[in-house]
């Protein structure tokens, strides 16, 4: 069995920010096959289903026997319910290898900021740095994640 991060070779912003969590941009069908061989069991895709894709990812994922979850993150869904659904999937799969992806890693980075802060005790600065390493580039996406974390910090 290969390492899940190695299975993402060539994927934009591929990273392994936490145990059992690999992140990145859009994987190919070959990447999905390699991820399965590396033990990944869940694919969390936060791209809008209407975004152009090189293949039918939901069908390819299911054909491989992997669980496919799509929670679209768009300008219209930068809200608490969307982030809470994402965090629930990430938290509930903490013991299972999971690929969390969007097109480039930008949206994934923003969505993981509150997870890093609330669930892993990172400071805001450390969470932002971790998010940037996995592809965060957009100020609006960063603010979405930071605002949520600030409002939910005990």
Protein backbone atom coordinates (compact mmCIF):
# COMPACT_ATOMS: atom_id res chain seq x y z
CA UNK A 1 0.00 0.00 0.00
CA UNK A 2 1.36 3.40 -0.97
CA UNK A 3 1.13 6.60 1.01
CA UNK A 4 -2.04 8.60 0.20
CA UNK A 5 0.03 11.73 -0.43
CA UNK A 6 2.22 9.82 -2.91
CA UNK A 7 -0.99 8.76 -4.67
CA UNK A 8 -1.66 12.45 -5.40
CA UNK A 9 1.62 13.04 -7.26
CA UNK A 10 0.97 15.71 -9.87
CA UNK A 11 -2.21 17.08 -8.27
CA UNK A 12 -2.16 20.84 -7.65
CA UNK A 13 -1.34 21.69 -4.02
CA UNK A 14 -1.36 18.07 -2.86
CA UNK A 15 -0.71 17.97 0.88
CA UNK A 16 -1.20 15.88 4.01
CA UNK A 17 -1.95 18.50 6.67
CA UNK A 18 -3.18 16.00 9.28
CA UNK A 19 -3.04 12.23 9.81
CA UNK A 20 -5.54 10.44 7.54
CA UNK A 21 -6.26 13.66 5.62
CA UNK A 22 -4.91 14.45 2.17
CA UNK A 23 -5.92 17.55 0.29
CA UNK A 24 -5.45 19.09 -3.10
CA UNK A 25 -6.91 20.17 -6.38
CA UNK A 26 -8.84 18.04 -8.85
CA UNK A 27 -7.59 14.43 -8.95
CA UNK A 28 -7.66 12.34 -12.13
CA UNK A 29 -9.26 8.91 -12.41
CA UNK A 30 -5.77 7.46 -12.06
CA UNK A 31 -5.30 9.38 -8.82
CA UNK A 32 -8.56 7.93 -7.48
CA UNK A 33 -7.31 4.42 -8.26
CA UNK A 34 -4.00 5.15 -6.53
CA UNK A 35 -5.81 6.66 -3.54
CA UNK A 36 -7.91 3.53 -3.18
CA UNK A 37 -4.75 1.40 -3.29
CA UNK A 38 -3.29 3.68 -0.59
CA UNK A 39 -6.26 3.03 1.69
CA UNK A 40 -8.34 6.17 1.11
CA UNK A 41 -12.03 5.32 1.54
CA UNK A 42 -13.79 8.71 1.36
CA UNK A 43 -13.65 11.50 -1.23
CA UNK A 44 -14.98 14.90 -0.08
CA UNK A 45 -15.37 17.13 -3.12
CA UNK A 46 -16.38 20.76 -2.52
CA UNK A 47 -16.56 21.77 -6.17
CA UNK A 48 -19.88 22.88 -7.61
CA UNK A 49 -21.31 20.00 -9.69
CA UNK A 50 -21.66 22.50 -12.57
CA UNK A 51 -17.90 23.23 -12.66
CA UNK A 52 -16.22 21.65 -15.70
CA UNK A 53 -14.48 18.37 -14.92
CA UNK A 54 -12.30 16.12 -17.05
CA UNK A 55 -14.45 13.05 -16.19
CA UNK A 56 -17.49 11.95 -14.16
CA UNK A 57 -15.85 11.93 -10.74
CA UNK A 58 -18.89 10.77 -8.73
CA UNK A 59 -19.35 7.76 -11.03
CA UNK A 60 -15.62 6.94 -11.08
CA UNK A 61 -15.42 7.17 -7.30
CA UNK A 62 -18.42 4.93 -6.77
CA UNK A 63 -17.18 2.45 -9.39
CA UNK A 64 -14.03 2.07 -7.27
CA UNK A 65 -16.13 1.41 -4.16
CA UNK A 66 -15.18 4.68 -2.48
CA UNK A 67 -17.62 6.92 -0.66
CA UNK A 68 -18.22 10.16 -2.58
CA UNK A 69 -19.50 13.26 -0.76
CA UNK A 70 -20.14 16.55 -2.56
CA UNK A 71 -20.72 19.76 -0.59
CA UNK A 72 -20.53 22.61 -3.12
CA UNK A 73 -18.66 25.72 -2.02
CA UNK A 74 -19.54 28.69 -4.21
CA UNK A 75 -19.96 32.43 -3.65
CA UNK A 76 -23.57 31.64 -2.69
CA UNK A 77 -22.68 28.96 -0.13
CA UNK A 78 -20.02 30.70 1.97
CA UNK A 79 -22.20 30.28 5.04
CA UNK A 80 -22.27 28.46 8.36
CA UNK A 81 -24.47 25.54 7.23
CA UNK A 82 -22.06 24.68 4.40
CA UNK A 83 -19.02 24.90 6.66
CA UNK A 84 -20.75 22.86 9.37
CA UNK A 85 -21.53 20.08 6.87
CA UNK A 86 -17.88 20.05 5.74
CA UNK A 87 -16.57 20.02 9.31
CA UNK A 88 -18.95 17.18 10.21
CA UNK A 89 -17.60 15.05 7.34
CA UNK A 90 -13.97 15.80 8.24
CA UNK A 91 -14.55 15.17 11.96
CA UNK A 92 -16.60 12.00 11.50
CA UNK A 93 -13.93 10.51 9.22
CA UNK A 94 -10.92 11.43 11.37
CA UNK A 95 -9.95 7.77 11.73
CA UNK A 96 -10.37 6.94 8.04
CA UNK A 97 -8.14 8.09 5.18
CA UNK A 98 -9.96 10.95 3.43
CA UNK A 99 -9.25 13.02 0.32
CA UNK A 100 -10.66 16.56 0.66
CA UNK A 101 -10.43 18.47 -2.61
CA UNK A 102 -11.68 21.33 -4.76
CA UNK A 103 -10.24 22.51 -8.08
CA UNK A 104 -7.00 23.99 -6.69
CA UNK A 105 -6.91 23.67 -2.89
CA UNK A 106 -8.07 27.26 -2.27
CA UNK A 107 -11.55 26.41 -0.96
CA UNK A 108 -10.23 23.41 0.95
CA UNK A 109 -7.71 25.65 2.72
CA UNK A 110 -10.38 28.11 3.81
CA UNK A 111 -12.73 25.37 4.97
CA UNK A 112 -10.00 23.76 7.09
CA UNK A 113 -9.07 26.95 8.98
CA UNK A 114 -11.78 26.42 11.62
CA UNK A 115 -10.91 22.72 11.86
CA UNK A 116 -7.28 23.60 12.55
CA UNK A 117 -8.25 26.19 15.18
CA UNK A 118 -11.24 24.57 16.89
CA UNK A 119 -10.29 20.89 16.69
CA UNK A 120 -6.48 20.99 16.69
CA UNK A 121 -5.76 24.02 18.86
CA UNK A 122 -3.78 25.95 16.27
CA UNK A 123 -3.40 29.69 16.58
CA UNK A 124 -4.97 31.79 13.84
CA UNK A 125 -1.54 32.48 12.34
CA UNK A 126 -0.59 28.80 12.33
CA UNK A 127 -3.96 27.82 10.84
CA UNK A 128 -3.60 30.41 8.08
CA UNK A 129 -0.07 29.22 7.29
CA UNK A 130 -1.26 25.60 7.16
CA UNK A 131 -4.17 26.61 4.91
CA UNK A 132 -1.85 28.50 2.58
CA UNK A 133 0.43 25.47 2.30
CA UNK A 134 -2.53 23.44 1.03
CA UNK A 135 -3.65 26.04 -1.51
CA UNK A 136 -5.54 28.88 0.20
CA UNK A 137 -5.22 32.05 -1.88
CA UNK A 138 -8.55 33.90 -1.67
CA UNK A 139 -9.23 36.53 0.99
CA UNK A 140 -12.99 35.87 0.89
CA UNK A 141 -12.47 32.14 1.47
CA UNK A 142 -10.04 32.86 4.32
CA UNK A 143 -12.48 35.27 5.96
CA UNK A 144 -15.25 32.66 5.72
CA UNK A 145 -13.20 30.14 7.70
CA UNK A 146 -11.70 32.65 10.15
CA UNK A 147 -15.03 34.28 10.92
CA UNK A 148 -16.56 30.91 11.72
CA UNK A 149 -13.64 29.93 13.96
CA UNK A 150 -13.74 33.24 15.83
CA UNK A 151 -17.47 32.95 16.50
CA UNK A 152 -17.17 29.34 17.69
CA UNK A 153 -14.02 29.55 19.82
CA UNK A 154 -14.96 28.85 23.45
